[in-house]
Amino acid sequence: MTTASGIYQPIMAIVNCARAFPASASEDGKLDIWQPRILYCLINGLGLLFAAYKVNSMGLLPTSVSDYASLFPSPVVKEVSMPSILL
């Protein structure tokens, strides 16, 4: 559960960036909130990259062809084995 939380929380923080820095904070138009928003998203993006690195170091990310073996169709059998002597 902790692994999923490490990936889920930065994504939701970036998605909800508007709640962290509301536009109503600049009522008179003099307060620039774009730089804090970008920095907030950048920091959470780095957290997401760190979580992906940790998941990859644990071997949980599918990185080889054999990880997708169940998605390939089964080969069609072209030969049938039969006994040569019938009893």
PDB file of N, CA and C in Angstrom:
ATOM      1  N   MET A   1       0.821  -1.197   0.000  1.00  0.00           N
ATOM      2  CA  MET A   1       0.000   0.000   0.000  1.00  0.00           C
ATOM      3  C   MET A   1       0.863   1.258   0.000  1.00  0.00           C
ATOM      4  N   THR A   2       2.010   1.204   0.637  1.00  0.00           N
ATOM      5  CA  THR A   2       2.880   2.367   0.703  1.00  0.00           C
ATOM      6  C   THR A   2       3.434   2.725  -0.669  1.00  0.00           C
ATOM      7  N   THR A   3       3.717   1.728  -1.493  1.00  0.00           N
ATOM      8  CA  THR A   3       4.240   1.982  -2.832  1.00  0.00           C
ATOM      9  C   THR A   3       3.217   2.731  -3.676  1.00  0.00           C
ATOM     10  N   ALA A   4       1.983   2.305  -3.627  1.00  0.00           N
ATOM     11  CA  ALA A   4       0.938   2.989  -4.386  1.00  0.00           C
ATOM     12  C   ALA A   4       0.716   4.399  -3.863  1.00  0.00           C
ATOM     13  N   SER A   5       0.843   4.574  -2.571  1.00  0.00           N
ATOM     14  CA  SER A   5       0.667   5.896  -1.982  1.00  0.00           C
ATOM     15  C   SER A   5       1.782   6.844  -2.407  1.00  0.00           C
ATOM     16  N   GLY A   6       3.000   6.320  -2.560  1.00  0.00           N
ATOM     17  CA  GLY A   6       4.125   7.147  -2.980  1.00  0.00           C
ATOM     18  C   GLY A   6       3.973   7.666  -4.389  1.00  0.00           C
ATOM     19  N   ILE A   7       3.213   6.977  -5.206  1.00  0.00           N
ATOM     20  CA  ILE A   7       2.969   7.423  -6.578  1.00  0.00           C
ATOM     21  C   ILE A   7       1.688   8.245  -6.656  1.00  0.00           C
ATOM     22  N   TYR A   8       0.679   7.842  -5.897  1.00  0.00           N
ATOM     23  CA  TYR A   8      -0.625   8.502  -5.962  1.00  0.00           C
ATOM     24  C   TYR A   8      -0.590   9.926  -5.392  1.00  0.00           C
ATOM     25  N   GLN A   9       0.078  10.119  -4.277  1.00  0.00           N
ATOM     26  CA  GLN A   9       0.060  11.423  -3.610  1.00  0.00           C
ATOM     27  C   GLN A   9       0.689  12.547  -4.440  1.00  0.00           C
ATOM     28  N   PRO A  10       1.882  12.360  -5.069  1.00  0.00           N
ATOM     29  CA  PRO A  10       2.397  13.458  -5.913  1.00  0.00           C
ATOM     30  C   PRO A  10       1.509  13.766  -7.112  1.00  0.00           C
ATOM     31  N   ILE A  11       0.900  12.722  -7.701  1.00  0.00           N
ATOM     32  CA  ILE A  11       0.018  12.962  -8.847  1.00  0.00           C
ATOM     33  C   ILE A  11      -1.184  13.786  -8.420  1.00  0.00           C
ATOM     34  N   MET A  12      -1.795  13.418  -7.307  1.00  0.00           N
ATOM     35  CA  MET A  12      -2.961  14.169  -6.839  1.00  0.00           C
ATOM     36  C   MET A  12      -2.572  15.573  -6.384  1.00  0.00           C
ATOM     37  N   ALA A  13      -1.369  15.753  -5.857  1.00  0.00           N
ATOM     38  CA  ALA A  13      -0.928  17.088  -5.464  1.00  0.00           C
ATOM     39  C   ALA A  13      -0.773  17.991  -6.683  1.00  0.00           C
ATOM     40  N   ILE A  14      -0.263  17.442  -7.781  1.00  0.00           N
ATOM     41  CA  ILE A  14      -0.118  18.231  -9.007  1.00  0.00           C
ATOM     42  C   ILE A  14      -1.494  18.551  -9.593  1.00  0.00           C
ATOM     43  N   VAL A  15      -2.389  17.565  -9.582  1.00  0.00           N
ATOM     44  CA  VAL A  15      -3.738  17.784 -10.117  1.00  0.00           C
ATOM     45  C   VAL A  15      -4.474  18.847  -9.297  1.00  0.00           C
ATOM     46  N   ASN A  16      -4.302  18.819  -7.988  1.00  0.00           N
ATOM     47  CA  ASN A  16      -4.994  19.761  -7.108  1.00  0.00           C
ATOM     48  C   ASN A  16      -4.161  20.995  -6.801  1.00  0.00           C
ATOM     49  N   CYS A  17      -3.287  21.371  -7.693  1.00  0.00           N
ATOM     50  CA  CYS A  17      -2.423  22.536  -7.494  1.00  0.00           C
ATOM     51  C   CYS A  17      -3.237  23.817  -7.353  1.00  0.00           C
ATOM     52  N   ALA A  18      -4.351  23.895  -8.017  1.00  0.00           N
ATOM     53  CA  ALA A  18      -5.186  25.092  -7.934  1.00  0.00           C
ATOM     54  C   ALA A  18      -5.752  25.280  -6.526  1.00  0.00           C
ATOM     55  N   ARG A  19      -5.969  24.184  -5.811  1.00  0.00           N
ATOM     56  CA  ARG A  19      -6.454  24.299  -4.438  1.00  0.00           C
ATOM     57  C   ARG A  19      -5.357  24.757  -3.492  1.00  0.00           C
ATOM     58  N   ALA A  20      -4.125  24.376  -3.786  1.00  0.00           N
ATOM     59  CA  ALA A  20      -3.008  24.765  -2.924  1.00  0.00           C
ATOM     60  C   ALA A  20      -2.712  26.256  -3.055  1.00  0.00           C
ATOM     61  N   PHE A  21      -2.853  26.785  -4.265  1.00  0.00           N
ATOM     62  CA  PHE A  21      -2.621  28.206  -4.519  1.00  0.00           C
ATOM     63  C   PHE A  21      -3.841  28.786  -5.214  1.00  0.00           C
ATOM     64  N   PRO A  22      -4.858  29.178  -4.466  1.00  0.00           N
ATOM     65  CA  PRO A  22      -6.086  29.682  -5.102  1.00  0.00           C
ATOM     66  C   PRO A  22      -5.875  31.023  -5.786  1.00  0.00           C
ATOM     67  N   ALA A  23      -6.655  31.241  -6.825  1.00  0.00           N
ATOM     68  CA  ALA A  23      -6.554  32.499  -7.572  1.00  0.00           C
ATOM     69  C   ALA A  23      -7.093  33.671  -6.767  1.00  0.00           C
ATOM     70  N   SER A  24      -7.895  33.404  -5.733  1.00  0.00           N
ATOM     71  CA  SER A  24      -8.439  34.492  -4.932  1.00  0.00           C
ATOM     72  C   SER A  24      -7.377  35.160  -4.071  1.00  0.00           C
ATOM     73  N   ALA A  25      -6.186  34.581  -4.013  1.00  0.00           N
ATOM     74  CA  ALA A  25      -5.105  35.194  -3.236  1.00  0.00           C
ATOM     75  C   ALA A  25      -4.613  36.464  -3.905  1.00  0.00           C
ATOM     76  N   SER A  26      -4.854  36.604  -5.199  1.00  0.00           N
ATOM     77  CA  SER A  26      -4.424  37.808  -5.905  1.00  0.00           C
ATOM     78  C   SER A  26      -5.636  38.662  -6.266  1.00  0.00           C
ATOM     79  N   GLU A  27      -6.314  39.168  -5.262  1.00  0.00           N
ATOM     80  CA  GLU A  27      -7.535  39.948  -5.492  1.00  0.00           C
ATOM     81  C   GLU A  27      -7.249  41.268  -6.198  1.00  0.00           C
ATOM     82  N   ASP A  28      -6.167  41.916  -5.812  1.00  0.00           N
ATOM     83  CA  ASP A  28      -5.860  43.206  -6.442  1.00  0.00           C
ATOM     84  C   ASP A  28      -5.034  43.052  -7.712  1.00  0.00           C
ATOM     85  N   GLY A  29      -4.634  41.849  -8.040  1.00  0.00           N
ATOM     86  CA  GLY A  29      -3.900  41.599  -9.274  1.00  0.00           C
ATOM     87  C   GLY A  29      -2.417  41.844  -9.158  1.00  0.00           C
ATOM     88  N   LYS A  30      -1.915  42.171  -7.981  1.00  0.00           N
ATOM     89  CA  LYS A  30      -0.499  42.470  -7.818  1.00  0.00           C
ATOM     90  C   LYS A  30       0.312  41.251  -7.374  1.00  0.00           C
ATOM     91  N   LEU A  31      -0.360  40.216  -6.906  1.00  0.00           N
ATOM     92  CA  LEU A  31       0.333  39.038  -6.411  1.00  0.00           C
ATOM     93  C   LEU A  31       0.454  38.016  -7.536  1.00  0.00           C
ATOM     94  N   ASP A  32       1.680  37.678  -7.884  1.00  0.00           N
ATOM     95  CA  ASP A  32       1.929  36.707  -8.941  1.00  0.00           C
ATOM     96  C   ASP A  32       2.048  35.317  -8.311  1.00  0.00           C
ATOM     97  N   ILE A  33       1.113  34.419  -8.653  1.00  0.00           N
ATOM     98  CA  ILE A  33       1.122  33.095  -8.048  1.00  0.00           C
ATOM     99  C   ILE A  33       1.590  32.016  -9.021  1.00  0.00           C
ATOM    100  N   TRP A  34       2.049  32.376 -10.203  1.00  0.00           N
ATOM    101  CA  TRP A  34       2.488  31.375 -11.168  1.00  0.00           C
ATOM    102  C   TRP A  34       3.802  30.728 -10.752  1.00  0.00           C
ATOM    103  N   GLN A  35       4.714  31.513 -10.228  1.00  0.00           N
ATOM    104  CA  GLN A  35       5.997  30.934  -9.815  1.00  0.00           C
ATOM    105  C   GLN A  35       5.833  29.932  -8.671  1.00  0.00           C
ATOM    106  N   PRO A  36       5.069  30.227  -7.622  1.00  0.00           N
ATOM    107  CA  PRO A  36       4.868  29.201  -6.589  1.00  0.00           C
ATOM    108  C   PRO A  36       4.141  27.970  -7.107  1.00  0.00           C
ATOM    109  N   ARG A  37       3.201  28.147  -8.034  1.00  0.00           N
ATOM    110  CA  ARG A  37       2.492  27.000  -8.608  1.00  0.00           C
ATOM    111  C   ARG A  37       3.448  26.102  -9.390  1.00  0.00           C
ATOM    112  N   ILE A  38       4.300  26.713 -10.192  1.00  0.00           N
ATOM    113  CA  ILE A  38       5.256  25.936 -10.978  1.00  0.00           C
ATOM    114  C   ILE A  38       6.243  25.225 -10.054  1.00  0.00           C
ATOM    115  N   LEU A  39       6.716  25.902  -9.034  1.00  0.00           N
ATOM    116  CA  LEU A  39       7.639  25.287  -8.083  1.00  0.00           C
ATOM    117  C   LEU A  39       6.961  24.139  -7.339  1.00  0.00           C
ATOM    118  N   TYR A  40       5.715  24.325  -6.944  1.00  0.00           N
ATOM    119  CA  TYR A  40       4.944  23.283  -6.261  1.00  0.00           C
ATOM    120  C   TYR A  40       4.804  22.051  -7.147  1.00  0.00           C
ATOM    121  N   CYS A  41       4.462  22.252  -8.416  1.00  0.00           N
ATOM    122  CA  CYS A  41       4.328  21.131  -9.349  1.00  0.00           C
ATOM    123  C   CYS A  41       5.680  20.479  -9.618  1.00  0.00           C
ATOM    124  N   LEU A  42       6.732  21.261  -9.691  1.00  0.00           N
ATOM    125  CA  LEU A  42       8.066  20.720  -9.919  1.00  0.00           C
ATOM    126  C   LEU A  42       8.519  19.840  -8.750  1.00  0.00           C
ATOM    127  N   ILE A  43       8.299  20.303  -7.529  1.00  0.00           N
ATOM    128  CA  ILE A  43       8.679  19.528  -6.350  1.00  0.00           C
ATOM    129  C   ILE A  43       7.888  18.226  -6.286  1.00  0.00           C
ATOM    130  N   ASN A  44       6.605  18.270  -6.556  1.00  0.00           N
ATOM    131  CA  ASN A  44       5.803  17.049  -6.555  1.00  0.00           C
ATOM    132  C   ASN A  44       6.159  16.141  -7.729  1.00  0.00           C
ATOM    133  N   GLY A  45       6.554  16.710  -8.835  1.00  0.00           N
ATOM    134  CA  GLY A  45       7.027  15.904  -9.964  1.00  0.00           C
ATOM    135  C   GLY A  45       8.316  15.173  -9.614  1.00  0.00           C
ATOM    136  N   LEU A  46       9.206  15.844  -8.879  1.00  0.00           N
ATOM    137  CA  LEU A  46      10.424  15.178  -8.411  1.00  0.00           C
ATOM    138  C   LEU A  46      10.093  14.057  -7.434  1.00  0.00           C
ATOM    139  N   GLY A  47       9.083  14.262  -6.599  1.00  0.00           N
ATOM    140  CA  GLY A  47       8.640  13.202  -5.699  1.00  0.00           C
ATOM    141  C   GLY A  47       8.102  12.011  -6.470  1.00  0.00           C
ATOM    142  N   LEU A  48       7.398  12.279  -7.560  1.00  0.00           N
ATOM    143  CA  LEU A  48       6.875  11.207  -8.408  1.00  0.00           C
ATOM    144  C   LEU A  48       8.011  10.448  -9.088  1.00  0.00           C
ATOM    145  N   LEU A  49       9.015  11.174  -9.578  1.00  0.00           N
ATOM    146  CA  LEU A  49      10.160  10.516 -10.192  1.00  0.00           C
ATOM    147  C   LEU A  49      10.918   9.665  -9.175  1.00  0.00           C
ATOM    148  N   PHE A  50      11.048  10.156  -7.954  1.00  0.00           N
ATOM    149  CA  PHE A  50      11.717   9.386  -6.908  1.00  0.00           C
ATOM    150  C   PHE A  50      10.941   8.115  -6.587  1.00  0.00           C
ATOM    151  N   ALA A  51       9.620   8.218  -6.517  1.00  0.00           N
ATOM    152  CA  ALA A  51       8.797   7.031  -6.245  1.00  0.00           C
ATOM    153  C   ALA A  51       8.918   6.023  -7.388  1.00  0.00           C
ATOM    154  N   ALA A  52       8.947   6.497  -8.630  1.00  0.00           N
ATOM    155  CA  ALA A  52       9.104   5.592  -9.773  1.00  0.00           C
ATOM    156  C   ALA A  52      10.480   4.933  -9.745  1.00  0.00           C
ATOM    157  N   TYR A  53      11.501   5.675  -9.339  1.00  0.00           N
ATOM    158  CA  TYR A  53      12.850   5.108  -9.210  1.00  0.00           C
ATOM    159  C   TYR A  53      12.871   4.007  -8.153  1.00  0.00           C
ATOM    160  N   LYS A  54      12.232   4.247  -7.016  1.00  0.00           N
ATOM    161  CA  LYS A  54      12.205   3.252  -5.947  1.00  0.00           C
ATOM    162  C   LYS A  54      11.439   2.006  -6.379  1.00  0.00           C
ATOM    163  N   VAL A  55      10.325   2.185  -7.085  1.00  0.00           N
ATOM    164  CA  VAL A  55       9.542   1.044  -7.561  1.00  0.00           C
ATOM    165  C   VAL A  55      10.359   0.251  -8.580  1.00  0.00           C
ATOM    166  N   ASN A  56      11.104   0.945  -9.430  1.00  0.00           N
ATOM    167  CA  ASN A  56      11.942   0.276 -10.415  1.00  0.00           C
ATOM    168  C   ASN A  56      13.089  -0.465  -9.731  1.00  0.00           C
ATOM    169  N   SER A  57      13.665   0.111  -8.689  1.00  0.00           N
ATOM    170  CA  SER A  57      14.769  -0.558  -7.998  1.00  0.00           C
ATOM    171  C   SER A  57      14.293  -1.800  -7.245  1.00  0.00           C
ATOM    172  N   MET A  58      13.012  -1.850  -6.881  1.00  0.00           N
ATOM    173  CA  MET A  58      12.462  -3.046  -6.249  1.00  0.00           C
ATOM    174  C   MET A  58      12.091  -4.108  -7.282  1.00  0.00           C
ATOM    175  N   GLY A  59      12.141  -3.764  -8.557  1.00  0.00           N
ATOM    176  CA  GLY A  59      11.826  -4.725  -9.612  1.00  0.00           C
ATOM    177  C   GLY A  59      10.347  -4.866  -9.883  1.00  0.00           C
ATOM    178  N   LEU A  60       9.553  -3.868  -9.551  1.00  0.00           N
ATOM    179  CA  LEU A  60       8.108  -3.959  -9.728  1.00  0.00           C
ATOM    180  C   LEU A  60       7.622  -3.396 -11.056  1.00  0.00           C
ATOM    181  N   LEU A  61       8.470  -2.690 -11.796  1.00  0.00           N
ATOM    182  CA  LEU A  61       8.066  -2.162 -13.096  1.00  0.00           C
ATOM    183  C   LEU A  61       8.363  -3.187 -14.188  1.00  0.00           C
ATOM    184  N   PRO A  62       7.451  -3.365 -15.122  1.00  0.00           N
ATOM    185  CA  PRO A  62       7.706  -4.310 -16.218  1.00  0.00           C
ATOM    186  C   PRO A  62       8.676  -3.695 -17.223  1.00  0.00           C
ATOM    187  N   THR A  63       9.914  -4.198 -17.242  1.00  0.00           N
ATOM    188  CA  THR A  63      10.941  -3.606 -18.096  1.00  0.00           C
ATOM    189  C   THR A  63      11.473  -4.562 -19.149  1.00  0.00           C
ATOM    190  N   SER A  64      11.070  -5.827 -19.132  1.00  0.00           N
ATOM    191  CA  SER A  64      11.567  -6.760 -20.132  1.00  0.00           C
ATOM    192  C   SER A  64      10.391  -7.374 -20.894  1.00  0.00           C
ATOM    193  N   VAL A  65      10.716  -8.028 -22.000  1.00  0.00           N
ATOM    194  CA  VAL A  65       9.684  -8.620 -22.844  1.00  0.00           C
ATOM    195  C   VAL A  65       8.976  -9.759 -22.112  1.00  0.00           C
ATOM    196  N   SER A  66       9.698 -10.458 -21.258  1.00  0.00           N
ATOM    197  CA  SER A  66       9.089 -11.593 -20.559  1.00  0.00           C
ATOM    198  C   SER A  66       8.006 -11.150 -19.576  1.00  0.00           C
ATOM    199  N   ASP A  67       8.008  -9.875 -19.182  1.00  0.00           N
ATOM    200  CA  ASP A  67       6.956  -9.378 -18.302  1.00  0.00           C
ATOM    201  C   ASP A  67       5.608  -9.307 -19.015  1.00  0.00           C
ATOM    202  N   TYR A  68       5.630  -9.267 -20.323  1.00  0.00           N
ATOM    203  CA  TYR A  68       4.411  -9.164 -21.117  1.00  0.00           C
ATOM    204  C   TYR A  68       4.058 -10.479 -21.813  1.00  0.00           C
ATOM    205  N   ALA A  69       4.643 -11.591 -21.366  1.00  0.00           N
ATOM    206  CA  ALA A  69       4.439 -12.885 -22.031  1.00  0.00           C
ATOM    207  C   ALA A  69       2.979 -13.324 -22.002  1.00  0.00           C
ATOM    208  N   SER A  70       2.253 -12.963 -20.969  1.00  0.00           N
ATOM    209  CA  SER A  70       0.852 -13.389 -20.895  1.00  0.00           C
ATOM    210  C   SER A  70      -0.028 -12.665 -21.901  1.00  0.00           C
ATOM    211  N   LEU A  71       0.441 -11.580 -22.480  1.00  0.00           N
ATOM    212  CA  LEU A  71      -0.351 -10.826 -23.452  1.00  0.00           C
ATOM    213  C   LEU A  71      -0.222 -11.377 -24.871  1.00  0.00           C
ATOM    214  N   PHE A  72       0.822 -12.188 -25.120  1.00  0.00           N
ATOM    215  CA  PHE A  72       1.030 -12.734 -26.453  1.00  0.00           C
ATOM    216  C   PHE A  72       0.075 -13.892 -26.702  1.00  0.00           C
ATOM    217  N   PRO A  73      -0.418 -14.037 -27.928  1.00  0.00           N
ATOM    218  CA  PRO A  73      -1.311 -15.174 -28.215  1.00  0.00           C
ATOM    219  C   PRO A  73      -0.526 -16.484 -28.219  1.00  0.00           C
ATOM    220  N   SER A  74      -1.193 -17.545 -27.858  1.00  0.00           N
ATOM    221  CA  SER A  74      -0.559 -18.870 -27.865  1.00  0.00           C
ATOM    222  C   SER A  74      -0.346 -19.315 -29.297  1.00  0.00           C
ATOM    223  N   PRO A  75       0.770 -19.984 -29.569  1.00  0.00           N
ATOM    224  CA  PRO A  75       1.003 -20.435 -30.946  1.00  0.00           C
ATOM    225  C   PRO A  75       0.042 -21.567 -31.321  1.00  0.00           C
ATOM    226  N   VAL A  76      -0.290 -21.640 -32.595  1.00  0.00           N
ATOM    227  CA  VAL A  76      -1.186 -22.671 -33.099  1.00  0.00           C
ATOM    228  C   VAL A  76      -0.387 -23.965 -33.254  1.00  0.00           C
ATOM    229  N   VAL A  77      -0.918 -25.049 -32.741  1.00  0.00           N
ATOM    230  CA  VAL A  77      -0.243 -26.345 -32.829  1.00  0.00           C
ATOM    231  C   VAL A  77      -0.422 -26.892 -34.242  1.00  0.00           C
ATOM    232  N   LYS A  78       0.688 -27.209 -34.921  1.00  0.00           N
ATOM    233  CA  LYS A  78       0.630 -27.709 -36.289  1.00  0.00           C
ATOM    234  C   LYS A  78       0.911 -29.192 -36.380  1.00  0.00           C
ATOM    235  N   GLU A  79       1.417 -29.781 -35.324  1.00  0.00           N
ATOM    236  CA  GLU A  79       1.743 -31.204 -35.346  1.00  0.00           C
ATOM    237  C   GLU A  79       0.955 -31.913 -34.262  1.00  0.00           C
ATOM    238  N   VAL A  80       0.622 -33.159 -34.526  1.00  0.00           N
ATOM    239  CA  VAL A  80      -0.097 -33.989 -33.578  1.00  0.00           C
ATOM    240  C   VAL A  80       0.714 -35.257 -33.353  1.00  0.00           C
ATOM    241  N   SER A  81       0.898 -35.637 -32.123  1.00  0.00           N
ATOM    242  CA  SER A  81       1.641 -36.843 -31.806  1.00  0.00           C
ATOM    243  C   SER A  81       0.687 -38.027 -31.680  1.00  0.00           C
ATOM    244  N   MET A  82       1.015 -39.149 -32.395  1.00  0.00           N
ATOM    245  CA  MET A  82       0.191 -40.360 -32.357  1.00  0.00           C
ATOM    246  C   MET A  82       1.115 -41.553 -32.186  1.00  0.00           C
ATOM    247  N   PRO A  83       0.643 -42.587 -31.503  1.00  0.00           N
ATOM    248  CA  PRO A  83       1.500 -43.775 -31.357  1.00  0.00           C
ATOM    249  C   PRO A  83       1.635 -44.497 -32.699  1.00  0.00           C
ATOM    250  N   SER A  84       2.773 -45.147 -32.906  1.00  0.00           N
ATOM    251  CA  SER A  84       2.990 -45.851 -34.163  1.00  0.00           C
ATOM    252  C   SER A  84       2.443 -47.278 -34.135  1.00  0.00           C
ATOM    253  N   ILE A  85       2.287 -47.852 -32.955  1.00  0.00           N
ATOM    254  CA  ILE A  85       1.746 -49.207 -32.847  1.00  0.00           C
ATOM    255  C   ILE A  85       0.435 -49.141 -32.087  1.00  0.00           C
ATOM    256  N   LEU A  86      -0.606 -49.584 -32.688  1.00  0.00           N
ATOM    257  CA  LEU A  86      -1.910 -49.599 -32.028  1.00  0.00           C
ATOM    258  C   LEU A  86      -2.112 -50.953 -31.379  1.00  0.00           C
ATOM    259  N   LEU A  87      -2.487 -50.993 -30.165  1.00  0.00           N
ATOM    260  CA  LEU A  87      -2.723 -52.244 -29.461  1.00  0.00           C
ATOM    261  C   LEU A  87      -4.170 -52.618 -29.431  1.00  0.00           C
TER     262      LEU A  87
END
